[in-house]
Amino acid sequence: MSASTTTASALALDGVSIDVDGRPLVSDLTLSLEPGSRTSVIGPNGSGKTTLLRALAGLHPLRSGSLRRPDEHPGMHFQDGALWPHMTVAEHLAFVDVDDDHAWRAALLARFELEGLARAKPDHMSGGERVRLGLARTFAARPSWVLLDEPLSHLDAATQARMRSLLPALVAELGCTSLTVTHDADDVALFGTQVLSLSGDGGWWLGDADEALAAPPTASLAAFAGRGTLLRGRTDAGGSVDFGHGLVVRSAPADAEVVALLMASDVVVTAAPVGNGRYVAPDGRGGCWVQLGDHLLRSATDPRDLVRDASVDVSATAPPRLLESNR
């Protein structure tokens, strides 16, 4: 294991593996982030997202591989805040502002809506105010690279909306190389032009954010993006698996456990007095959930003309798409 620095703001990992208590979270991760690049980091709980950011910042050891990082410390927003209880808001920003730029710190207080709290300490602030303080401190040193661990968590919906506008603008303004952990599929493309998906068992995938969300290439990405429904089964000797109701995957490996994705855009739902399915509820994204036999399917059909628990006809305009197979 080795770690080195470079004067550029690029970040590079070569064959990096990371464990926690002997459990592999990331295995053989290799990537190079160009200066100013923006990457969203996603994955299920416990997949190593926070641990990866801590490793990049030098706060968690690598099991193997090498890491090249910029000379200066990153601006880092910790999920739990990691605020200093003995310091005021103004002191938090001044402590990390190596340029002692009063105007910049005043601008950050205003942009993060903390002007009236400059003399307050964390114990006398609300949860949302503490989150905003952590974010303001992240940018106080004008960092060339930032690590943001779920920066919108613990904020109310209205504040989240304002921060969704502010954070990408600040990153662009400073030209930061950024990695942002998020659990919200709607934020992936906002915070990154590319996405790094961690599976939790050491596996990972890196690619274009827009493409990954539109047509997820892995089961973990598909589950995260919520673009459809994951179907699991075992193929027969001919490499086919029938999930019932005309949902068939063909030309897969024979006698293998498979995961397939039925895209929500391929599921058509229409009201019917005696249909093959049942409308369950809206999905919160303009589509709906329907029950088809044993399958709870996501559909992109607008549910406004549907009645909860009423009979519907459910059909698929395309077969499920094979994502993964394991003999």
C-alpha atoms as a PDB file:
ATOM      1  CA  MET A   1       0.000   0.000   0.000  1.00  0.00           C
ATOM      2  CA  SER A   2       1.246   3.470  -0.797  1.00  0.00           C
ATOM      3  CA  ALA A   3      -0.021   7.030  -0.963  1.00  0.00           C
ATOM      4  CA  SER A   4       1.518   9.910  -2.862  1.00  0.00           C
ATOM      5  CA  THR A   5       0.607  13.440  -3.818  1.00  0.00           C
ATOM      6  CA  THR A   6       0.555  15.481  -6.979  1.00  0.00           C
ATOM      7  CA  THR A   7       0.350  19.203  -7.597  1.00  0.00           C
ATOM      8  CA  ALA A   8      -2.635  18.751  -9.904  1.00  0.00           C
ATOM      9  CA  SER A   9      -6.095  18.426  -8.442  1.00  0.00           C
ATOM     10  CA  ALA A  10      -6.573  15.043 -10.126  1.00  0.00           C
ATOM     11  CA  LEU A  11      -7.315  12.041  -7.925  1.00  0.00           C
ATOM     12  CA  ALA A  12      -6.196   8.565  -8.960  1.00  0.00           C
ATOM     13  CA  LEU A  13      -6.723   5.104  -7.472  1.00  0.00           C
ATOM     14  CA  ASP A  14      -4.877   2.038  -8.720  1.00  0.00           C
ATOM     15  CA  GLY A  15      -6.060  -1.378  -7.561  1.00  0.00           C
ATOM     16  CA  VAL A  16      -7.422  -0.019  -4.287  1.00  0.00           C
ATOM     17  CA  SER A  17      -9.059  -2.485  -1.896  1.00  0.00           C
ATOM     18  CA  ILE A  18     -10.674  -1.438   1.382  1.00  0.00           C
ATOM     19  CA  ASP A  19     -11.848  -3.596   4.269  1.00  0.00           C
ATOM     20  CA  VAL A  20     -13.746  -2.904   7.474  1.00  0.00           C
ATOM     21  CA  ASP A  21     -13.243  -5.423  10.278  1.00  0.00           C
ATOM     22  CA  GLY A  22     -11.997  -7.942   7.743  1.00  0.00           C
ATOM     23  CA  ARG A  23     -15.003  -7.557   5.458  1.00  0.00           C
ATOM     24  CA  PRO A  24     -14.125  -6.467   1.905  1.00  0.00           C
ATOM     25  CA  LEU A  25     -16.082  -3.379   0.842  1.00  0.00           C
ATOM     26  CA  VAL A  26     -14.140  -2.275  -2.233  1.00  0.00           C
ATOM     27  CA  SER A  27     -11.905  -4.558  -4.281  1.00  0.00           C
ATOM     28  CA  ASP A  28      -9.338  -3.579  -6.913  1.00  0.00           C
ATOM     29  CA  LEU A  29     -10.850  -0.135  -7.603  1.00  0.00           C
ATOM     30  CA  THR A  30      -9.003   1.688 -10.354  1.00  0.00           C
ATOM     31  CA  LEU A  31     -10.044   5.105 -11.576  1.00  0.00           C
ATOM     32  CA  SER A  32      -8.635   8.514 -12.429  1.00  0.00           C
ATOM     33  CA  LEU A  33     -10.617  11.669 -11.759  1.00  0.00           C
ATOM     34  CA  GLU A  34      -9.574  14.628 -13.858  1.00  0.00           C
ATOM     35  CA  PRO A  35      -9.405  18.119 -12.322  1.00  0.00           C
ATOM     36  CA  GLY A  36     -12.900  19.575 -12.050  1.00  0.00           C
ATOM     37  CA  SER A  37     -14.644  16.251 -12.632  1.00  0.00           C
ATOM     38  CA  ARG A  38     -17.801  15.488 -10.654  1.00  0.00           C
ATOM     39  CA  THR A  39     -18.621  11.966  -9.486  1.00  0.00           C
ATOM     40  CA  SER A  40     -21.657  10.691  -7.602  1.00  0.00           C
ATOM     41  CA  VAL A  41     -21.084   7.709  -5.329  1.00  0.00           C
ATOM     42  CA  ILE A  42     -24.019   5.379  -4.709  1.00  0.00           C
ATOM     43  CA  GLY A  43     -24.733   1.948  -3.278  1.00  0.00           C
ATOM     44  CA  PRO A  44     -26.779   0.174  -0.619  1.00  0.00           C
ATOM     45  CA  ASN A  45     -26.295   0.800   3.093  1.00  0.00           C
ATOM     46  CA  GLY A  46     -23.025  -0.699   4.271  1.00  0.00           C
ATOM     47  CA  SER A  47     -21.506  -0.874   0.798  1.00  0.00           C
ATOM     48  CA  GLY A  48     -18.511   1.293   1.738  1.00  0.00           C
ATOM     49  CA  LYS A  49     -19.422   4.732   0.394  1.00  0.00           C
ATOM     50  CA  THR A  50     -18.476   6.645   3.542  1.00  0.00           C
ATOM     51  CA  THR A  51     -15.442   4.425   4.113  1.00  0.00           C
ATOM     52  CA  LEU A  52     -14.221   5.130   0.575  1.00  0.00           C
ATOM     53  CA  LEU A  53     -14.436   8.885   1.133  1.00  0.00           C
ATOM     54  CA  ARG A  54     -12.599   8.531   4.445  1.00  0.00           C
ATOM     55  CA  ALA A  55      -9.889   6.487   2.708  1.00  0.00           C
ATOM     56  CA  LEU A  56      -9.512   9.156   0.035  1.00  0.00           C
ATOM     57  CA  ALA A  57      -9.064  11.748   2.773  1.00  0.00           C
ATOM     58  CA  GLY A  58      -6.442   9.599   4.510  1.00  0.00           C
ATOM     59  CA  LEU A  59      -8.703   8.714   7.433  1.00  0.00           C
ATOM     60  CA  HIS A  60      -9.021   4.984   6.697  1.00  0.00           C
ATOM     61  CA  PRO A  61      -6.252   2.591   5.622  1.00  0.00           C
ATOM     62  CA  LEU A  62      -6.122   0.814   2.296  1.00  0.00           C
ATOM     63  CA  ARG A  63      -5.766  -2.961   2.348  1.00  0.00           C
ATOM     64  CA  SER A  64      -3.915  -2.808  -0.951  1.00  0.00           C
ATOM     65  CA  GLY A  65      -3.380  -0.590  -3.959  1.00  0.00           C
ATOM     66  CA  SER A  66      -2.135   2.958  -4.336  1.00  0.00           C
ATOM     67  CA  LEU A  67      -3.754   6.359  -4.071  1.00  0.00           C
ATOM     68  CA  ARG A  68      -2.607   9.631  -5.599  1.00  0.00           C
ATOM     69  CA  ARG A  69      -4.244  12.714  -4.181  1.00  0.00           C
ATOM     70  CA  PRO A  70      -3.698  16.498  -4.378  1.00  0.00           C
ATOM     71  CA  ASP A  71      -1.229  18.182  -2.031  1.00  0.00           C
ATOM     72  CA  GLU A  72      -3.799  19.971   0.075  1.00  0.00           C
ATOM     73  CA  HIS A  73      -6.420  18.426   2.313  1.00  0.00           C
ATOM     74  CA  PRO A  74      -9.882  18.061   0.774  1.00  0.00           C
ATOM     75  CA  GLY A  75     -12.905  20.002   1.791  1.00  0.00           C
ATOM     76  CA  MET A  76     -14.850  17.232   3.495  1.00  0.00           C
ATOM     77  CA  HIS A  77     -18.444  17.181   4.654  1.00  0.00           C
ATOM     78  CA  PHE A  78     -19.006  14.415   7.165  1.00  0.00           C
ATOM     79  CA  GLN A  79     -22.363  12.683   7.360  1.00  0.00           C
ATOM     80  CA  ASP A  80     -22.461  13.179  11.141  1.00  0.00           C
ATOM     81  CA  GLY A  81     -21.268  16.782  10.903  1.00  0.00           C
ATOM     82  CA  ALA A  82     -18.049  16.348  12.931  1.00  0.00           C
ATOM     83  CA  LEU A  83     -18.438  19.917  14.195  1.00  0.00           C
ATOM     84  CA  TRP A  84     -16.299  21.355  16.967  1.00  0.00           C
ATOM     85  CA  PRO A  85     -18.567  22.014  19.962  1.00  0.00           C
ATOM     86  CA  HIS A  86     -16.272  24.654  21.512  1.00  0.00           C
ATOM     87  CA  MET A  87     -16.197  26.811  18.365  1.00  0.00           C
ATOM     88  CA  THR A  88     -18.729  29.309  17.065  1.00  0.00           C
ATOM     89  CA  VAL A  89     -19.970  29.288  13.475  1.00  0.00           C
ATOM     90  CA  ALA A  90     -17.547  32.061  12.556  1.00  0.00           C
ATOM     91  CA  GLU A  91     -14.664  30.229  14.235  1.00  0.00           C
ATOM     92  CA  HIS A  92     -15.401  27.028  12.297  1.00  0.00           C
ATOM     93  CA  LEU A  93     -14.925  28.870   9.019  1.00  0.00           C
ATOM     94  CA  ALA A  94     -11.936  30.930  10.176  1.00  0.00           C
ATOM     95  CA  PHE A  95     -10.087  27.849  11.433  1.00  0.00           C
ATOM     96  CA  VAL A  96      -9.921  26.248   7.984  1.00  0.00           C
ATOM     97  CA  ASP A  97      -9.641  29.458   5.939  1.00  0.00           C
ATOM     98  CA  VAL A  98      -5.873  29.495   5.384  1.00  0.00           C
ATOM     99  CA  ASP A  99      -6.147  32.677   3.284  1.00  0.00           C
ATOM    100  CA  ASP A 100      -7.965  34.506   6.101  1.00  0.00           C
ATOM    101  CA  ASP A 101     -10.424  35.888   3.546  1.00  0.00           C
ATOM    102  CA  HIS A 102     -13.082  37.688   5.591  1.00  0.00           C
ATOM    103  CA  ALA A 103     -15.150  38.557   2.528  1.00  0.00           C
ATOM    104  CA  TRP A 104     -15.264  34.934   1.384  1.00  0.00           C
ATOM    105  CA  ARG A 105     -16.332  33.719   4.814  1.00  0.00           C
ATOM    106  CA  ALA A 106     -19.043  36.384   4.989  1.00  0.00           C
ATOM    107  CA  ALA A 107     -20.293  35.302   1.565  1.00  0.00           C
ATOM    108  CA  LEU A 108     -20.453  31.676   2.706  1.00  0.00           C
ATOM    109  CA  LEU A 109     -22.410  32.637   5.823  1.00  0.00           C
ATOM    110  CA  ALA A 110     -24.917  34.401   3.608  1.00  0.00           C
ATOM    111  CA  ARG A 111     -25.137  31.651   0.988  1.00  0.00           C
ATOM    112  CA  PHE A 112     -25.656  28.975   3.625  1.00  0.00           C
ATOM    113  CA  GLU A 113     -28.175  31.142   5.491  1.00  0.00           C
ATOM    114  CA  LEU A 114     -26.077  31.441   8.636  1.00  0.00           C
ATOM    115  CA  GLU A 115     -25.583  35.241   8.857  1.00  0.00           C
ATOM    116  CA  GLY A 116     -27.412  35.597  12.139  1.00  0.00           C
ATOM    117  CA  LEU A 117     -25.640  32.650  13.735  1.00  0.00           C
ATOM    118  CA  ALA A 118     -21.981  33.706  13.474  1.00  0.00           C
ATOM    119  CA  ARG A 119     -21.562  33.650  17.274  1.00  0.00           C
ATOM    120  CA  ALA A 120     -23.623  30.500  17.859  1.00  0.00           C
ATOM    121  CA  LYS A 121     -22.087  27.171  18.854  1.00  0.00           C
ATOM    122  CA  PRO A 122     -23.354  23.824  17.530  1.00  0.00           C
ATOM    123  CA  ASP A 123     -25.213  22.900  20.726  1.00  0.00           C
ATOM    124  CA  HIS A 124     -27.416  25.972  20.264  1.00  0.00           C
ATOM    125  CA  MET A 125     -28.264  25.291  16.611  1.00  0.00           C
ATOM    126  CA  SER A 126     -30.938  23.183  14.952  1.00  0.00           C
ATOM    127  CA  GLY A 127     -30.059  20.018  13.052  1.00  0.00           C
ATOM    128  CA  GLY A 128     -30.470  21.732   9.692  1.00  0.00           C
ATOM    129  CA  GLU A 129     -28.344  24.683  10.785  1.00  0.00           C
ATOM    130  CA  ARG A 130     -25.565  22.325  11.849  1.00  0.00           C
ATOM    131  CA  VAL A 131     -25.679  20.605   8.448  1.00  0.00           C
ATOM    132  CA  ARG A 132     -25.373  23.971   6.710  1.00  0.00           C
ATOM    133  CA  LEU A 133     -22.455  24.899   8.972  1.00  0.00           C
ATOM    134  CA  GLY A 134     -20.677  21.667   8.035  1.00  0.00           C
ATOM    135  CA  LEU A 135     -21.200  22.455   4.364  1.00  0.00           C
ATOM    136  CA  ALA A 136     -20.012  26.061   4.715  1.00  0.00           C
ATOM    137  CA  ARG A 137     -16.863  24.857   6.502  1.00  0.00           C
ATOM    138  CA  THR A 138     -16.230  22.412   3.648  1.00  0.00           C
ATOM    139  CA  PHE A 139     -15.828  25.285   1.197  1.00  0.00           C
ATOM    140  CA  ALA A 140     -14.190  27.835   3.523  1.00  0.00           C
ATOM    141  CA  ALA A 141     -10.648  26.982   2.404  1.00  0.00           C
ATOM    142  CA  ARG A 142     -11.569  27.202  -1.304  1.00  0.00           C
ATOM    143  CA  PRO A 143     -10.556  23.541  -1.768  1.00  0.00           C
ATOM    144  CA  SER A 144      -9.537  22.143  -5.141  1.00  0.00           C
ATOM    145  CA  TRP A 145     -11.283  18.859  -4.261  1.00  0.00           C
ATOM    146  CA  VAL A 146     -14.237  18.070  -2.044  1.00  0.00           C
ATOM    147  CA  LEU A 147     -15.719  14.920  -0.531  1.00  0.00           C
ATOM    148  CA  LEU A 148     -19.410  15.308   0.300  1.00  0.00           C
ATOM    149  CA  ASP A 149     -21.016  12.526   2.330  1.00  0.00           C
ATOM    150  CA  GLU A 150     -24.796  12.792   1.930  1.00  0.00           C
ATOM    151  CA  PRO A 151     -24.771  16.603   2.040  1.00  0.00           C
ATOM    152  CA  LEU A 152     -28.565  16.914   1.851  1.00  0.00           C
ATOM    153  CA  SER A 153     -29.446  14.513   4.658  1.00  0.00           C
ATOM    154  CA  HIS A 154     -31.180  15.911   7.753  1.00  0.00           C
ATOM    155  CA  LEU A 155     -32.491  18.921   5.814  1.00  0.00           C
ATOM    156  CA  ASP A 156     -36.160  19.736   5.274  1.00  0.00           C
ATOM    157  CA  ALA A 157     -37.506  19.626   1.733  1.00  0.00           C
ATOM    158  CA  ALA A 158     -37.394  23.381   1.171  1.00  0.00           C
ATOM    159  CA  THR A 159     -33.794  23.677   2.381  1.00  0.00           C
ATOM    160  CA  GLN A 160     -32.785  20.640   0.336  1.00  0.00           C
ATOM    161  CA  ALA A 161     -34.108  22.370  -2.765  1.00  0.00           C
ATOM    162  CA  ARG A 162     -31.997  25.472  -2.075  1.00  0.00           C
ATOM    163  CA  MET A 163     -28.886  23.413  -1.330  1.00  0.00           C
ATOM    164  CA  ARG A 164     -29.404  21.400  -4.534  1.00  0.00           C
ATOM    165  CA  SER A 165     -28.971  24.673  -6.372  1.00  0.00           C
ATOM    166  CA  LEU A 166     -26.147  26.060  -4.236  1.00  0.00           C
ATOM    167  CA  LEU A 167     -23.780  23.089  -3.919  1.00  0.00           C
ATOM    168  CA  PRO A 168     -23.265  22.314  -7.638  1.00  0.00           C
ATOM    169  CA  ALA A 169     -22.896  26.054  -8.243  1.00  0.00           C
ATOM    170  CA  LEU A 170     -20.152  26.322  -5.600  1.00  0.00           C
ATOM    171  CA  VAL A 171     -18.337  23.270  -6.954  1.00  0.00           C
ATOM    172  CA  ALA A 172     -18.415  24.774 -10.449  1.00  0.00           C
ATOM    173  CA  GLU A 173     -17.412  28.217  -9.186  1.00  0.00           C
ATOM    174  CA  LEU A 174     -14.313  26.834  -7.456  1.00  0.00           C
ATOM    175  CA  GLY A 175     -13.557  24.280 -10.170  1.00  0.00           C
ATOM    176  CA  CYS A 176     -13.485  21.513  -7.564  1.00  0.00           C
ATOM    177  CA  THR A 177     -12.956  17.864  -8.243  1.00  0.00           C
ATOM    178  CA  SER A 178     -15.866  16.385  -6.295  1.00  0.00           C
ATOM    179  CA  LEU A 179     -17.151  13.055  -5.038  1.00  0.00           C
ATOM    180  CA  THR A 180     -20.627  13.148  -3.553  1.00  0.00           C
ATOM    181  CA  VAL A 181     -22.370  10.291  -1.760  1.00  0.00           C
ATOM    182  CA  THR A 182     -26.130  10.288  -2.263  1.00  0.00           C
ATOM    183  CA  HIS A 183     -29.067   7.977  -1.631  1.00  0.00           C
ATOM    184  CA  ASP A 184     -31.378   9.911  -3.943  1.00  0.00           C
ATOM    185  CA  ALA A 185     -31.518   8.851  -7.581  1.00  0.00           C
ATOM    186  CA  ASP A 186     -32.727  12.320  -8.546  1.00  0.00           C
ATOM    187  CA  ASP A 187     -29.462  13.821  -7.235  1.00  0.00           C
ATOM    188  CA  VAL A 188     -27.042  11.524  -9.069  1.00  0.00           C
ATOM    189  CA  ALA A 189     -26.877  13.484 -12.316  1.00  0.00           C
ATOM    190  CA  LEU A 190     -27.074  16.776 -10.412  1.00  0.00           C
ATOM    191  CA  PHE A 191     -23.899  16.088  -8.429  1.00  0.00           C
ATOM    192  CA  GLY A 192     -21.977  14.080 -11.006  1.00  0.00           C
ATOM    193  CA  THR A 193     -21.438  13.612 -14.703  1.00  0.00           C
ATOM    194  CA  GLN A 194     -20.294  10.097 -13.836  1.00  0.00           C
ATOM    195  CA  VAL A 195     -21.409   7.649 -11.172  1.00  0.00           C
ATOM    196  CA  LEU A 196     -19.445   5.174  -9.081  1.00  0.00           C
ATOM    197  CA  SER A 197     -21.719   2.390  -7.862  1.00  0.00           C
ATOM    198  CA  LEU A 198     -20.560   0.138  -5.000  1.00  0.00           C
ATOM    199  CA  SER A 199     -22.278  -3.217  -4.617  1.00  0.00           C
ATOM    200  CA  GLY A 200     -21.281  -3.946  -1.024  1.00  0.00           C
ATOM    201  CA  ASP A 201     -19.408  -7.180  -1.741  1.00  0.00           C
ATOM    202  CA  GLY A 202     -16.292  -5.548  -3.170  1.00  0.00           C
ATOM    203  CA  GLY A 203     -17.754  -4.999  -6.626  1.00  0.00           C
ATOM    204  CA  TRP A 204     -18.023  -1.613  -8.296  1.00  0.00           C
ATOM    205  CA  TRP A 205     -19.087   0.018 -11.553  1.00  0.00           C
ATOM    206  CA  LEU A 206     -18.071   3.386 -13.000  1.00  0.00           C
ATOM    207  CA  GLY A 207     -19.753   5.084 -15.937  1.00  0.00           C
ATOM    208  CA  ASP A 208     -21.734   7.967 -17.357  1.00  0.00           C
ATOM    209  CA  ALA A 209     -24.417   9.123 -14.932  1.00  0.00           C
ATOM    210  CA  ASP A 210     -27.123   9.870 -17.495  1.00  0.00           C
ATOM    211  CA  GLU A 211     -26.660   6.548 -19.280  1.00  0.00           C
ATOM    212  CA  ALA A 212     -26.552   4.597 -16.015  1.00  0.00           C
ATOM    213  CA  LEU A 213     -29.853   6.058 -14.862  1.00  0.00           C
ATOM    214  CA  ALA A 214     -31.586   5.691 -18.216  1.00  0.00           C
ATOM    215  CA  ALA A 215     -30.566   2.047 -18.713  1.00  0.00           C
ATOM    216  CA  PRO A 216     -28.963   0.655 -15.526  1.00  0.00           C
ATOM    217  CA  PRO A 217     -26.311  -1.951 -16.412  1.00  0.00           C
ATOM    218  CA  THR A 218     -26.192  -3.682 -13.007  1.00  0.00           C
ATOM    219  CA  ALA A 219     -28.755  -4.942 -10.507  1.00  0.00           C
ATOM    220  CA  SER A 220     -27.576  -2.592  -7.769  1.00  0.00           C
ATOM    221  CA  LEU A 221     -27.822   0.414 -10.107  1.00  0.00           C
ATOM    222  CA  ALA A 222     -31.259  -0.668 -11.278  1.00  0.00           C
ATOM    223  CA  ALA A 223     -32.485  -1.003  -7.708  1.00  0.00           C
ATOM    224  CA  PHE A 224     -31.060   2.400  -6.840  1.00  0.00           C
ATOM    225  CA  ALA A 225     -32.400   4.194  -9.896  1.00  0.00           C
ATOM    226  CA  GLY A 226     -35.897   2.809  -9.490  1.00  0.00           C
ATOM    227  CA  ARG A 227     -36.324   2.643 -13.259  1.00  0.00           C
ATOM    228  CA  GLY A 228     -38.170  -0.652 -13.122  1.00  0.00           C
ATOM    229  CA  THR A 229     -38.505  -3.962 -11.303  1.00  0.00           C
ATOM    230  CA  LEU A 230     -35.824  -6.550 -10.629  1.00  0.00           C
ATOM    231  CA  LEU A 231     -36.870 -10.133 -11.361  1.00  0.00           C
ATOM    232  CA  ARG A 232     -34.852 -13.070 -10.025  1.00  0.00           C
ATOM    233  CA  GLY A 233     -35.008 -16.672 -11.199  1.00  0.00           C
ATOM    234  CA  ARG A 234     -33.106 -19.656 -12.541  1.00  0.00           C
ATOM    235  CA  THR A 235     -32.702 -20.478 -16.209  1.00  0.00           C
ATOM    236  CA  ASP A 236     -33.425 -23.898 -17.661  1.00  0.00           C
ATOM    237  CA  ALA A 237     -31.056 -25.992 -19.738  1.00  0.00           C
ATOM    238  CA  GLY A 238     -31.876 -23.858 -22.756  1.00  0.00           C
ATOM    239  CA  GLY A 239     -30.944 -20.586 -21.053  1.00  0.00           C
ATOM    240  CA  SER A 240     -34.503 -19.305 -20.583  1.00  0.00           C
ATOM    241  CA  VAL A 241     -36.466 -18.346 -17.504  1.00  0.00           C
ATOM    242  CA  ASP A 242     -40.217 -17.698 -17.449  1.00  0.00           C
ATOM    243  CA  PHE A 243     -41.359 -15.331 -14.715  1.00  0.00           C
ATOM    244  CA  GLY A 244     -44.982 -15.861 -15.708  1.00  0.00           C
ATOM    245  CA  HIS A 245     -47.490 -13.557 -17.394  1.00  0.00           C
ATOM    246  CA  GLY A 246     -45.417 -13.491 -20.579  1.00  0.00           C
ATOM    247  CA  LEU A 247     -42.296 -12.162 -18.829  1.00  0.00           C
ATOM    248  CA  VAL A 248     -39.556 -14.327 -20.324  1.00  0.00           C
ATOM    249  CA  VAL A 249     -35.781 -13.936 -20.530  1.00  0.00           C
ATOM    250  CA  ARG A 250     -34.059 -15.932 -23.286  1.00  0.00           C
ATOM    251  CA  SER A 251     -30.488 -16.512 -24.450  1.00  0.00           C
ATOM    252  CA  ALA A 252     -29.076 -16.399 -20.923  1.00  0.00           C
ATOM    253  CA  PRO A 253     -26.509 -18.849 -19.506  1.00  0.00           C
ATOM    254  CA  ALA A 254     -28.060 -22.262 -18.871  1.00  0.00           C
ATOM    255  CA  ASP A 255     -28.801 -23.431 -15.328  1.00  0.00           C
ATOM    256  CA  ALA A 256     -27.874 -20.079 -13.797  1.00  0.00           C
ATOM    257  CA  GLU A 257     -29.320 -17.746 -11.216  1.00  0.00           C
ATOM    258  CA  VAL A 258     -30.201 -14.548 -13.072  1.00  0.00           C
ATOM    259  CA  VAL A 259     -31.342 -11.025 -12.324  1.00  0.00           C
ATOM    260  CA  ALA A 260     -33.380  -9.249 -14.983  1.00  0.00           C
ATOM    261  CA  LEU A 261     -34.771  -5.730 -15.187  1.00  0.00           C
ATOM    262  CA  LEU A 262     -38.276  -5.009 -16.430  1.00  0.00           C
ATOM    263  CA  MET A 263     -38.216  -1.300 -17.242  1.00  0.00           C
ATOM    264  CA  ALA A 264     -41.102   0.768 -15.879  1.00  0.00           C
ATOM    265  CA  SER A 265     -41.449   2.397 -19.285  1.00  0.00           C
ATOM    266  CA  ASP A 266     -42.197  -1.047 -20.759  1.00  0.00           C
ATOM    267  CA  VAL A 267     -45.070  -1.804 -18.365  1.00  0.00           C
ATOM    268  CA  VAL A 268     -48.447  -0.555 -19.614  1.00  0.00           C
ATOM    269  CA  VAL A 269     -51.388  -0.371 -17.212  1.00  0.00           C
ATOM    270  CA  THR A 270     -55.016   0.230 -18.222  1.00  0.00           C
ATOM    271  CA  ALA A 271     -58.202   0.173 -16.172  1.00  0.00           C
ATOM    272  CA  ALA A 272     -60.230  -3.004 -16.747  1.00  0.00           C
ATOM    273  CA  PRO A 273     -63.308  -4.461 -14.993  1.00  0.00           C
ATOM    274  CA  VAL A 274     -61.715  -7.912 -15.043  1.00  0.00           C
ATOM    275  CA  GLY A 275     -57.984  -7.547 -15.591  1.00  0.00           C
ATOM    276  CA  ASN A 276     -54.918  -9.637 -14.895  1.00  0.00           C
ATOM    277  CA  GLY A 277     -53.555  -7.301 -12.213  1.00  0.00           C
ATOM    278  CA  ARG A 278     -54.364  -4.825  -9.464  1.00  0.00           C
ATOM    279  CA  TYR A 279     -53.421  -1.162  -9.115  1.00  0.00           C
ATOM    280  CA  VAL A 280     -51.637  -0.679  -5.778  1.00  0.00           C
ATOM    281  CA  ALA A 281     -50.457   2.930  -5.422  1.00  0.00           C
ATOM    282  CA  PRO A 282     -48.587   5.821  -7.067  1.00  0.00           C
ATOM    283  CA  ASP A 283     -44.806   5.390  -7.094  1.00  0.00           C
ATOM    284  CA  GLY A 284     -44.028   9.016  -6.264  1.00  0.00           C
ATOM    285  CA  ARG A 285     -42.344   9.585  -9.635  1.00  0.00           C
ATOM    286  CA  GLY A 286     -45.354  10.016 -11.863  1.00  0.00           C
ATOM    287  CA  GLY A 287     -45.875   6.283 -12.346  1.00  0.00           C
ATOM    288  CA  CYS A 288     -47.490   3.546 -10.304  1.00  0.00           C
ATOM    289  CA  TRP A 289     -47.131   0.192  -8.569  1.00  0.00           C
ATOM    290  CA  VAL A 290     -49.219  -2.729  -9.787  1.00  0.00           C
ATOM    291  CA  GLN A 291     -49.578  -6.314  -8.621  1.00  0.00           C
ATOM    292  CA  LEU A 292     -49.285  -8.952 -11.337  1.00  0.00           C
ATOM    293  CA  GLY A 293     -49.474 -12.410  -9.824  1.00  0.00           C
ATOM    294  CA  ASP A 294     -46.566 -12.668  -7.380  1.00  0.00           C
ATOM    295  CA  HIS A 295     -44.807  -9.644  -8.861  1.00  0.00           C
ATOM    296  CA  LEU A 296     -45.074  -6.073  -7.592  1.00  0.00           C
ATOM    297  CA  LEU A 297     -44.161  -4.105 -10.721  1.00  0.00           C
ATOM    298  CA  ARG A 298     -43.294  -0.473 -11.274  1.00  0.00           C
ATOM    299  CA  SER A 299     -44.951   1.139 -14.281  1.00  0.00           C
ATOM    300  CA  ALA A 300     -44.444   4.546 -15.877  1.00  0.00           C
ATOM    301  CA  THR A 301     -48.211   4.720 -16.536  1.00  0.00           C
ATOM    302  CA  ASP A 302     -49.800   7.880 -15.122  1.00  0.00           C
ATOM    303  CA  PRO A 303     -52.073   6.639 -12.307  1.00  0.00           C
ATOM    304  CA  ARG A 304     -54.448   9.589 -12.154  1.00  0.00           C
ATOM    305  CA  ASP A 305     -57.245   7.676 -13.906  1.00  0.00           C
ATOM    306  CA  LEU A 306     -56.731   4.532 -11.829  1.00  0.00           C
ATOM    307  CA  VAL A 307     -58.481   3.555  -8.597  1.00  0.00           C
ATOM    308  CA  ARG A 308     -56.572   1.993  -5.737  1.00  0.00           C
ATOM    309  CA  ASP A 309     -57.017  -1.762  -5.384  1.00  0.00           C
ATOM    310  CA  ALA A 310     -59.077  -1.818  -8.590  1.00  0.00           C
ATOM    311  CA  SER A 311     -58.602  -4.376 -11.347  1.00  0.00           C
ATOM    312  CA  VAL A 312     -56.265  -3.388 -14.212  1.00  0.00           C
ATOM    313  CA  ASP A 313     -54.738  -4.938 -17.302  1.00  0.00           C
ATOM    314  CA  VAL A 314     -50.947  -5.113 -17.162  1.00  0.00           C
ATOM    315  CA  SER A 315     -48.842  -5.818 -20.237  1.00  0.00           C
ATOM    316  CA  ALA A 316     -45.180  -5.514 -21.177  1.00  0.00           C
ATOM    317  CA  THR A 317     -44.091  -3.975 -24.465  1.00  0.00           C
ATOM    318  CA  ALA A 318     -40.597  -5.479 -24.178  1.00  0.00           C
ATOM    319  CA  PRO A 319     -39.126  -8.461 -22.329  1.00  0.00           C
ATOM    320  CA  PRO A 320     -37.086  -8.105 -19.127  1.00  0.00           C
ATOM    321  CA  ARG A 321     -33.437  -7.301 -19.766  1.00  0.00           C
ATOM    322  CA  LEU A 322     -30.781  -9.632 -18.383  1.00  0.00           C
ATOM    323  CA  LEU A 323     -28.469  -7.853 -15.952  1.00  0.00           C
ATOM    324  CA  GLU A 324     -26.542 -10.525 -14.085  1.00  0.00           C
ATOM    325  CA  SER A 325     -26.094 -14.273 -14.105  1.00  0.00           C
ATOM    326  CA  ASN A 326     -24.326 -16.609 -11.711  1.00  0.00           C
ATOM    327  CA  ARG A 327     -23.930 -20.309 -12.363  1.00  0.00           C
END
